[in-house]
Each structure stands twice: as structure tokens, then as C-alpha cells.
């Protein structure tokens, strides 16, 4: 049998590691001893582009929203970006009734168009409908709020 070269990106190796059982994780670590597989997800998701890469989806641009009226394009593009970032940060976790979940809460600043992060909310609901972008822990909600404040501001200022 002829040897074949297998090329894998660091990102694909990381994705495989994140989804693997302990035996496969050990194998991946032995195959790539110089790669830090234990990087924190907040280090890996530092942009929309990085989130798309982690999720294995094609990045969209504002031009992909030209089918919408001009005044709606930015909002829907940013909404899409936040959804992908949210999904990547949660690493496959989705909120279920009865589980704890966290989300950023913003307070609008008086007299201006700005707002500030007041706190991270904890949601526990008897309803089957939780917050739209619920994170599995407070740290992820804070990371999203701080790192992607520019995106959250578009959503907050357009609602």
C-alpha cells in the first residue's frame, strides 16, 4: 500500500479534538505534540471570521443581505454574526428548560446613542423559551459582551 499524505489544518484538528472521546484526544495530542489543544474557546473565538472557521461555515458579507431593504441590511448581517459567534462560543451546547444560562444585559446610556454592559444575567425559567443567545456560563456571556460590543450595539440601537 502506497503511503498517502494527509493534510489537516490546525483548526480542523482542534475541532476533532473538541468533539473526541478521551482515547482519540490522546491520539491527536500524540500526533501533534506542539499544538495546544487545551486552548480556551474565548481565545479561539476572537472574531466572526474565527467563529465561522470553527463552525465550518462560509462567511457572509453585507452584500449577502442585499435582498433586504437597505435600512435592514446591517442589523440582519450583525444578527447573523452574533448567532455564529454565540454558537461557536457555546461549543455545541444549547439551552434546555431547567438549565442555567447566561446572557449579556446592557443599559442604554442616557442622552446618547451608547450603552454599557451593566451585568451578565442568569436565566432560569419555568418557560420553555429562554433568552435568545444564552451562554453556558457567565464567562462566555461576558466575553461576548466585551469582545463583540460593537456588534451588540448595532442590535441594541436598532430594536
C-alpha atoms as a PDB file:
ATOM      1  CA  UNK A   1       0.000   0.000   0.000  1.00  0.00           C
ATOM      2  CA  UNK A   2       1.380   3.360  -1.001  1.00  0.00           C
ATOM      3  CA  UNK A   3       1.753   5.957   1.746  1.00  0.00           C
ATOM      4  CA  UNK A   4      -0.500   8.962   1.377  1.00  0.00           C
ATOM      5  CA  UNK A   5      -0.017  12.388   2.836  1.00  0.00           C
ATOM      6  CA  UNK A   6      -2.911  13.613   4.922  1.00  0.00           C
ATOM      7  CA  UNK A   7      -3.138  17.355   5.320  1.00  0.00           C
ATOM      8  CA  UNK A   8      -5.191  18.745   8.165  1.00  0.00           C
ATOM      9  CA  UNK A   9      -5.456  22.316   9.322  1.00  0.00           C
ATOM     10  CA  UNK A  10      -4.838  23.183  12.953  1.00  0.00           C
ATOM     11  CA  UNK A  11      -8.441  24.323  13.143  1.00  0.00           C
ATOM     12  CA  UNK A  12      -9.794  21.007  11.852  1.00  0.00           C
ATOM     13  CA  UNK A  13      -7.554  19.138  14.290  1.00  0.00           C
ATOM     14  CA  UNK A  14      -8.858  21.359  17.103  1.00  0.00           C
ATOM     15  CA  UNK A  15     -12.469  20.740  16.051  1.00  0.00           C
ATOM     16  CA  UNK A  16     -11.833  16.992  16.016  1.00  0.00           C
ATOM     17  CA  UNK A  17     -10.223  17.236  19.464  1.00  0.00           C
ATOM     18  CA  UNK A  18     -13.152  19.207  20.875  1.00  0.00           C
ATOM     19  CA  UNK A  19     -15.627  16.534  19.740  1.00  0.00           C
ATOM     20  CA  UNK A  20     -13.483  13.477  20.514  1.00  0.00           C
ATOM     21  CA  UNK A  21     -13.562  10.981  23.352  1.00  0.00           C
ATOM     22  CA  UNK A  22     -10.542  10.703  25.669  1.00  0.00           C
ATOM     23  CA  UNK A  23      -8.829   7.984  23.603  1.00  0.00           C
ATOM     24  CA  UNK A  24      -8.981   9.977  20.380  1.00  0.00           C
ATOM     25  CA  UNK A  25      -7.868  13.124  22.233  1.00  0.00           C
ATOM     26  CA  UNK A  26      -4.719  11.281  23.357  1.00  0.00           C
ATOM     27  CA  UNK A  27      -4.087  10.153  19.780  1.00  0.00           C
ATOM     28  CA  UNK A  28      -4.461  13.684  18.421  1.00  0.00           C
ATOM     29  CA  UNK A  29      -2.144  15.045  21.114  1.00  0.00           C
ATOM     30  CA  UNK A  30       0.486  12.447  20.230  1.00  0.00           C
ATOM     31  CA  UNK A  31       0.182  13.207  16.502  1.00  0.00           C
ATOM     32  CA  UNK A  32       0.564  16.967  17.060  1.00  0.00           C
ATOM     33  CA  UNK A  33       2.612  17.368  20.250  1.00  0.00           C
ATOM     34  CA  UNK A  34       3.399  21.028  19.505  1.00  0.00           C
ATOM     35  CA  UNK A  35      -0.256  22.058  19.221  1.00  0.00           C
ATOM     36  CA  UNK A  36      -2.011  23.350  22.347  1.00  0.00           C
ATOM     37  CA  UNK A  37      -5.343  21.545  22.148  1.00  0.00           C
ATOM     38  CA  UNK A  38      -6.413  22.886  25.522  1.00  0.00           C
ATOM     39  CA  UNK A  39      -6.799  26.493  24.378  1.00  0.00           C
ATOM     40  CA  UNK A  40      -9.730  28.301  25.861  1.00  0.00           C
ATOM     41  CA  UNK A  41     -12.646  28.848  23.483  1.00  0.00           C
ATOM     42  CA  UNK A  42     -12.560  32.590  24.205  1.00  0.00           C
ATOM     43  CA  UNK A  43      -9.028  32.714  22.778  1.00  0.00           C
ATOM     44  CA  UNK A  44     -10.182  30.891  19.670  1.00  0.00           C
ATOM     45  CA  UNK A  45     -13.346  32.949  19.052  1.00  0.00           C
ATOM     46  CA  UNK A  46     -11.975  36.446  18.743  1.00  0.00           C
ATOM     47  CA  UNK A  47     -13.800  37.402  15.551  1.00  0.00           C
ATOM     48  CA  UNK A  48     -16.726  36.497  13.332  1.00  0.00           C
ATOM     49  CA  UNK A  49     -14.237  35.019  10.859  1.00  0.00           C
ATOM     50  CA  UNK A  50     -12.721  32.735  13.522  1.00  0.00           C
ATOM     51  CA  UNK A  51     -16.201  31.633  14.616  1.00  0.00           C
ATOM     52  CA  UNK A  52     -17.109  30.763  11.016  1.00  0.00           C
ATOM     53  CA  UNK A  53     -13.922  28.751  10.693  1.00  0.00           C
ATOM     54  CA  UNK A  54     -14.616  26.856  13.910  1.00  0.00           C
ATOM     55  CA  UNK A  55     -18.188  26.170  12.850  1.00  0.00           C
ATOM     56  CA  UNK A  56     -17.089  25.165   9.353  1.00  0.00           C
ATOM     57  CA  UNK A  57     -19.383  27.603   7.597  1.00  0.00           C
ATOM     58  CA  UNK A  58     -18.825  30.120   4.838  1.00  0.00           C
ATOM     59  CA  UNK A  59     -18.535  33.717   5.961  1.00  0.00           C
ATOM     60  CA  UNK A  60     -21.196  36.072   4.722  1.00  0.00           C
ATOM     61  CA  UNK A  61     -20.753  39.732   3.888  1.00  0.00           C
ATOM     62  CA  UNK A  62     -23.143  42.660   3.975  1.00  0.00           C
ATOM     63  CA  UNK A  63     -23.584  42.101   0.229  1.00  0.00           C
ATOM     64  CA  UNK A  64     -25.287  38.777   1.009  1.00  0.00           C
ATOM     65  CA  UNK A  65     -28.114  40.781   2.587  1.00  0.00           C
ATOM     66  CA  UNK A  66     -28.842  42.956  -0.463  1.00  0.00           C
ATOM     67  CA  UNK A  67     -32.200  41.233  -0.880  1.00  0.00           C
ATOM     68  CA  UNK A  68     -33.354  43.200   2.192  1.00  0.00           C
ATOM     69  CA  UNK A  69     -34.255  46.882   2.242  1.00  0.00           C
ATOM     70  CA  UNK A  70     -31.099  48.962   2.739  1.00  0.00           C
ATOM     71  CA  UNK A  71     -32.036  50.107   6.247  1.00  0.00           C
ATOM     72  CA  UNK A  72     -32.355  46.466   7.418  1.00  0.00           C
ATOM     73  CA  UNK A  73     -29.139  45.027   5.993  1.00  0.00           C
ATOM     74  CA  UNK A  74     -26.662  45.962   8.717  1.00  0.00           C
ATOM     75  CA  UNK A  75     -28.951  44.753  11.508  1.00  0.00           C
ATOM     76  CA  UNK A  76     -29.515  41.345   9.909  1.00  0.00           C
ATOM     77  CA  UNK A  77     -25.852  40.933   8.989  1.00  0.00           C
ATOM     78  CA  UNK A  78     -24.812  41.707  12.577  1.00  0.00           C
ATOM     79  CA  UNK A  79     -27.562  39.417  13.911  1.00  0.00           C
ATOM     80  CA  UNK A  80     -26.123  36.626  11.760  1.00  0.00           C
ATOM     81  CA  UNK A  81     -22.593  37.360  13.016  1.00  0.00           C
ATOM     82  CA  UNK A  82     -23.688  37.234  16.662  1.00  0.00           C
ATOM     83  CA  UNK A  83     -25.549  33.954  16.079  1.00  0.00           C
ATOM     84  CA  UNK A  84     -22.417  32.305  14.656  1.00  0.00           C
ATOM     85  CA  UNK A  85     -20.210  33.708  17.430  1.00  0.00           C
ATOM     86  CA  UNK A  86     -22.738  32.519  20.030  1.00  0.00           C
ATOM     87  CA  UNK A  87     -22.812  29.021  18.553  1.00  0.00           C
ATOM     88  CA  UNK A  88     -19.004  28.803  18.410  1.00  0.00           C
ATOM     89  CA  UNK A  89     -18.525  30.044  21.984  1.00  0.00           C
ATOM     90  CA  UNK A  90     -21.017  27.509  23.334  1.00  0.00           C
ATOM     91  CA  UNK A  91     -19.224  24.644  21.527  1.00  0.00           C
ATOM     92  CA  UNK A  92     -22.440  22.810  20.680  1.00  0.00           C
ATOM     93  CA  UNK A  93     -24.233  23.489  23.979  1.00  0.00           C
ATOM     94  CA  UNK A  94     -27.834  24.656  23.640  1.00  0.00           C
ATOM     95  CA  UNK A  95     -30.048  25.825  26.463  1.00  0.00           C
ATOM     96  CA  UNK A  96     -32.758  23.439  27.654  1.00  0.00           C
ATOM     97  CA  UNK A  97     -35.601  24.102  30.041  1.00  0.00           C
ATOM     98  CA  UNK A  98     -34.453  23.945  33.644  1.00  0.00           C
ATOM     99  CA  UNK A  99     -30.792  24.595  32.842  1.00  0.00           C
ATOM    100  CA  UNK A 100     -28.867  27.650  33.899  1.00  0.00           C
ATOM    101  CA  UNK A 101     -27.975  30.038  31.141  1.00  0.00           C
ATOM    102  CA  UNK A 102     -26.317  33.440  30.987  1.00  0.00           C
ATOM    103  CA  UNK A 103     -26.705  36.390  28.668  1.00  0.00           C
ATOM    104  CA  UNK A 104     -25.350  39.938  28.468  1.00  0.00           C
ATOM    105  CA  UNK A 105     -27.590  42.707  29.782  1.00  0.00           C
ATOM    106  CA  UNK A 106     -26.936  46.221  28.516  1.00  0.00           C
ATOM    107  CA  UNK A 107     -28.120  49.526  29.946  1.00  0.00           C
ATOM    108  CA  UNK A 108     -28.634  52.341  27.497  1.00  0.00           C
ATOM    109  CA  UNK A 109     -26.706  55.466  28.412  1.00  0.00           C
ATOM    110  CA  UNK A 110     -28.911  58.497  28.993  1.00  0.00           C
ATOM    111  CA  UNK A 111     -28.723  61.273  26.429  1.00  0.00           C
ATOM    112  CA  UNK A 112     -26.729  59.413  23.822  1.00  0.00           C
ATOM    113  CA  UNK A 113     -26.774  56.509  21.484  1.00  0.00           C
ATOM    114  CA  UNK A 114     -24.285  54.487  23.534  1.00  0.00           C
ATOM    115  CA  UNK A 115     -24.886  51.888  26.192  1.00  0.00           C
ATOM    116  CA  UNK A 116     -22.836  49.995  28.729  1.00  0.00           C
ATOM    117  CA  UNK A 117     -22.620  46.460  29.996  1.00  0.00           C
ATOM    118  CA  UNK A 118     -24.359  46.516  33.335  1.00  0.00           C
ATOM    119  CA  UNK A 119     -24.209  42.859  34.278  1.00  0.00           C
ATOM    120  CA  UNK A 120     -24.485  39.373  32.995  1.00  0.00           C
ATOM    121  CA  UNK A 121     -27.911  37.958  33.616  1.00  0.00           C
ATOM    122  CA  UNK A 122     -28.572  34.494  34.909  1.00  0.00           C
ATOM    123  CA  UNK A 123     -31.646  32.955  33.428  1.00  0.00           C
ATOM    124  CA  UNK A 124     -33.581  30.171  34.954  1.00  0.00           C
ATOM    125  CA  UNK A 125     -37.054  29.954  33.614  1.00  0.00           C
ATOM    126  CA  UNK A 126     -40.112  27.857  34.033  1.00  0.00           C
ATOM    127  CA  UNK A 127     -40.914  28.742  30.463  1.00  0.00           C
ATOM    128  CA  UNK A 128     -39.661  26.653  27.593  1.00  0.00           C
ATOM    129  CA  UNK A 129     -38.418  29.832  25.930  1.00  0.00           C
ATOM    130  CA  UNK A 130     -35.095  31.160  27.205  1.00  0.00           C
ATOM    131  CA  UNK A 131     -33.051  34.164  26.192  1.00  0.00           C
ATOM    132  CA  UNK A 132     -32.251  34.098  22.501  1.00  0.00           C
ATOM    133  CA  UNK A 133     -28.469  33.988  22.905  1.00  0.00           C
ATOM    134  CA  UNK A 134     -27.959  32.115  26.142  1.00  0.00           C
ATOM    135  CA  UNK A 135     -24.420  31.101  27.065  1.00  0.00           C
ATOM    136  CA  UNK A 136     -23.483  28.057  29.099  1.00  0.00           C
ATOM    137  CA  UNK A 137     -21.549  30.118  31.653  1.00  0.00           C
ATOM    138  CA  UNK A 138     -21.096  33.690  32.819  1.00  0.00           C
ATOM    139  CA  UNK A 139     -17.547  33.899  31.479  1.00  0.00           C
ATOM    140  CA  UNK A 140     -18.709  33.280  27.892  1.00  0.00           C
ATOM    141  CA  UNK A 141     -21.511  35.838  28.186  1.00  0.00           C
ATOM    142  CA  UNK A 142     -19.024  38.432  29.471  1.00  0.00           C
ATOM    143  CA  UNK A 143     -16.574  37.604  26.683  1.00  0.00           C
ATOM    144  CA  UNK A 144     -19.291  38.042  24.072  1.00  0.00           C
ATOM    145  CA  UNK A 145     -20.436  41.329  25.597  1.00  0.00           C
ATOM    146  CA  UNK A 146     -16.957  42.825  25.865  1.00  0.00           C
ATOM    147  CA  UNK A 147     -15.253  41.453  22.758  1.00  0.00           C
ATOM    148  CA  UNK A 148     -18.222  41.981  20.460  1.00  0.00           C
ATOM    149  CA  UNK A 149     -19.644  45.163  21.986  1.00  0.00           C
ATOM    150  CA  UNK A 150     -19.595  46.820  18.563  1.00  0.00           C
ATOM    151  CA  UNK A 151     -21.955  44.115  17.249  1.00  0.00           C
ATOM    152  CA  UNK A 152     -24.231  44.137  20.292  1.00  0.00           C
ATOM    153  CA  UNK A 153     -24.550  47.929  19.968  1.00  0.00           C
ATOM    154  CA  UNK A 154     -25.958  47.601  16.445  1.00  0.00           C
ATOM    155  CA  UNK A 155     -28.612  45.178  17.707  1.00  0.00           C
ATOM    156  CA  UNK A 156     -29.431  47.249  20.804  1.00  0.00           C
ATOM    157  CA  UNK A 157     -29.665  50.523  18.912  1.00  0.00           C
ATOM    158  CA  UNK A 158     -31.936  49.083  16.209  1.00  0.00           C
ATOM    159  CA  UNK A 159     -34.568  47.440  18.376  1.00  0.00           C
END
